[in-house]
Amino acid sequence: MAVQHSTLTDPELHEPKGISGAGLDTVYHANGAGSGTWKSALSTLNNANKVFLSARIADISTASSTWTVAPLAGEIDKVYVVLFGSITTANANVTIELGGTPVAGLQVVCAYAGSTAGSVFNDEPSGSAAVTEGQAIEIITDGASDTAMAAEVIIVLDVA
């Protein structure tokens, strides 16, 4: 005699598949196609698995570095740069290094043509950009542009 799952009572129910490999404080996240993955319980909340790091570049038109630190382990998801005013002559390029190694495929190109206060530029890594808790993150500008101008950098860190 076949037993229908819909008729099972609580003592006959079992844990979901994959439970033995699920990490602490994770929940099963169904993908809507009959499968899913185990994710951090925080990732089920809107942007709760994101940490936003901010750092100021004093002059994006001068080759220099500034630093911030990852308060939690995770992956760099995206980097934004906003200019405080116009830059001239050439684009300013902002890159990120972790432990002296550039993050693959990540270069925020801040276009000088048409730039104004509030111009926003962004880029995403092309591969893994894993950071550990407490790791220093170096933010580098190549200083290729002219006109001394401050910029704010926002790093979106996925900590799911």
Protein backbone atom coordinates (compact mmCIF):
# COMPACT_ATOMS: atom_id res chain seq x y z
CA MET A 1 0.00 0.00 0.00
CA ALA A 2 1.41 3.38 -1.03
CA VAL A 3 1.53 6.13 1.57
CA GLN A 4 0.88 9.67 0.40
CA HIS A 5 3.22 12.26 1.90
CA SER A 6 0.27 14.60 2.36
CA THR A 7 -1.27 12.17 4.86
CA LEU A 8 1.81 11.76 7.07
CA THR A 9 1.50 12.93 10.66
CA ASP A 10 4.22 14.60 12.73
CA PRO A 11 5.89 11.41 14.09
CA GLU A 12 6.25 10.11 10.52
CA LEU A 13 7.85 13.27 9.07
CA HIS A 14 11.58 13.42 8.43
CA GLU A 15 14.21 16.16 8.21
CA PRO A 16 14.73 17.70 4.76
CA LYS A 17 17.34 16.26 2.42
CA GLY A 18 20.82 17.63 2.99
CA ILE A 19 20.26 18.37 6.69
CA SER A 20 23.36 16.39 7.69
CA GLY A 21 25.55 18.80 5.70
CA ALA A 22 23.76 22.01 6.67
CA GLY A 23 25.78 24.53 8.65
CA LEU A 24 24.87 26.00 12.02
CA ASP A 25 22.12 28.65 11.86
CA THR A 26 21.19 27.89 8.26
CA VAL A 27 17.79 27.47 6.68
CA TYR A 28 16.68 25.67 3.52
CA HIS A 29 15.99 28.17 0.75
CA ALA A 30 13.77 26.69 -1.99
CA ASN A 31 14.49 27.90 -5.52
CA GLY A 32 10.96 27.30 -6.83
CA ALA A 33 12.11 24.55 -9.20
CA GLY A 34 11.92 21.61 -6.81
CA SER A 35 15.35 22.15 -5.28
CA GLY A 36 17.21 24.62 -3.11
CA THR A 37 20.23 25.30 -0.95
CA TRP A 38 21.11 25.81 2.68
CA LYS A 39 21.80 29.48 3.44
CA SER A 40 22.51 31.65 6.43
CA ALA A 41 19.32 32.43 8.30
CA LEU A 42 20.18 36.12 7.82
CA SER A 43 20.19 35.77 4.04
CA THR A 44 16.46 35.13 4.06
CA LEU A 45 15.93 38.72 5.18
CA ASN A 46 16.09 41.61 2.71
CA ASN A 47 19.77 42.73 2.46
CA ALA A 48 20.41 41.37 5.96
CA ASN A 49 23.33 39.42 4.53
CA LYS A 50 25.01 42.59 3.22
CA VAL A 51 27.49 44.80 5.01
CA PHE A 52 28.29 48.19 3.51
CA LEU A 53 31.81 49.52 4.06
CA SER A 54 32.68 53.15 3.37
CA ALA A 55 36.03 54.84 2.81
CA ARG A 56 37.03 58.29 1.60
CA ILE A 57 39.60 58.96 -1.10
CA ALA A 58 40.95 62.43 -0.30
CA ASP A 59 42.00 63.10 -3.92
CA ILE A 60 41.06 60.61 -6.62
CA SER A 61 43.39 62.49 -9.04
CA THR A 62 46.50 61.61 -7.00
CA ALA A 63 47.81 58.04 -7.04
CA SER A 64 47.25 56.78 -3.49
CA SER A 65 45.72 54.14 -1.25
CA THR A 66 43.19 54.25 1.52
CA TRP A 67 42.04 51.41 3.74
CA THR A 68 39.03 49.90 5.42
CA VAL A 69 38.51 46.62 7.29
CA ALA A 70 36.05 43.75 6.89
CA PRO A 71 34.09 43.46 10.15
CA LEU A 72 32.83 40.00 9.07
CA ALA A 73 33.98 37.28 6.71
CA GLY A 74 32.33 37.34 3.30
CA GLU A 75 32.69 38.15 -0.40
CA ILE A 76 33.04 41.53 -2.05
CA ASP A 77 29.88 41.75 -4.15
CA LYS A 78 30.16 45.22 -5.70
CA VAL A 79 32.11 48.48 -5.34
CA TYR A 80 30.66 51.96 -5.88
CA VAL A 81 32.55 55.24 -6.21
CA VAL A 82 30.84 58.65 -6.03
CA LEU A 83 32.68 61.83 -7.01
CA PHE A 84 32.38 65.03 -4.99
CA GLY A 85 32.91 67.10 -8.18
CA SER A 86 34.25 66.99 -11.73
CA ILE A 87 37.54 65.39 -12.75
CA THR A 88 39.36 66.28 -15.97
CA THR A 89 41.88 65.04 -18.58
CA ALA A 90 41.53 61.26 -18.03
CA ASN A 91 39.48 58.62 -16.25
CA ALA A 92 40.35 57.76 -12.65
CA ASN A 93 40.53 54.02 -11.97
CA VAL A 94 39.86 52.53 -8.54
CA THR A 95 40.93 48.98 -7.70
CA ILE A 96 40.82 46.82 -4.57
CA GLU A 97 43.61 44.66 -3.15
CA LEU A 98 43.35 41.98 -0.47
CA GLY A 99 46.67 41.09 1.14
CA GLY A 100 48.54 42.77 -1.70
CA THR A 101 46.66 40.83 -4.39
CA PRO A 102 44.30 42.69 -6.77
CA VAL A 103 40.68 41.51 -6.76
CA ALA A 104 40.21 39.82 -10.15
CA GLY A 105 38.22 41.77 -12.70
CA LEU A 106 37.37 44.63 -10.36
CA GLN A 107 38.22 48.08 -11.66
CA VAL A 108 35.84 50.98 -11.13
CA VAL A 109 36.38 53.36 -14.05
CA CYS A 110 35.39 56.89 -13.06
CA ALA A 111 34.84 58.65 -16.38
CA TYR A 112 36.07 62.22 -16.55
CA ALA A 113 33.83 63.10 -19.53
CA GLY A 114 30.63 64.56 -18.13
CA SER A 115 31.64 63.95 -14.50
CA THR A 116 30.01 66.14 -11.88
CA ALA A 117 29.40 66.12 -8.16
CA GLY A 118 27.34 63.00 -7.51
CA SER A 119 28.57 60.99 -10.51
CA VAL A 120 28.40 57.32 -9.47
CA PHE A 121 30.44 54.47 -10.98
CA ASN A 122 30.57 50.77 -10.02
CA ASP A 123 32.03 47.38 -10.84
CA GLU A 124 31.87 43.77 -9.62
CA PRO A 125 34.64 41.19 -9.22
CA SER A 126 34.87 38.59 -11.97
CA GLY A 127 35.82 35.82 -9.53
CA SER A 128 36.13 35.12 -5.85
CA ALA A 129 36.77 38.14 -3.66
CA ALA A 130 36.68 36.43 -0.26
CA VAL A 131 37.64 38.40 2.84
CA THR A 132 38.17 37.17 6.37
CA GLU A 133 36.92 38.86 9.49
CA GLY A 134 39.30 41.66 10.44
CA GLN A 135 41.09 41.65 7.06
CA ALA A 136 42.38 44.97 5.73
CA ILE A 137 40.98 46.06 2.37
CA GLU A 138 43.15 48.41 0.30
CA ILE A 139 41.42 50.85 -2.04
CA ILE A 140 43.75 52.21 -4.72
CA THR A 141 43.35 55.10 -7.15
CA ASP A 142 45.71 55.36 -10.12
CA GLY A 143 45.61 59.18 -10.07
CA ALA A 144 45.28 59.35 -13.86
CA SER A 145 42.77 62.22 -13.81
CA ASP A 146 43.37 65.90 -13.08
CA THR A 147 41.56 68.21 -10.68
CA ALA A 148 41.96 67.47 -6.99
CA MET A 149 38.68 65.83 -6.02
CA ALA A 150 37.42 63.74 -3.11
CA ALA A 151 35.46 60.56 -3.69
CA GLU A 152 33.56 58.14 -1.47
CA VAL A 153 33.91 54.38 -1.96
CA ILE A 154 31.21 51.94 -0.85
CA ILE A 155 32.09 48.25 -0.77
CA VAL A 156 29.15 45.84 -0.63
CA LEU A 157 30.18 42.75 1.31
CA ASP A 158 28.01 39.62 1.12
CA VAL A 159 28.30 37.85 4.48
CA ALA A 160 25.71 35.08 3.87
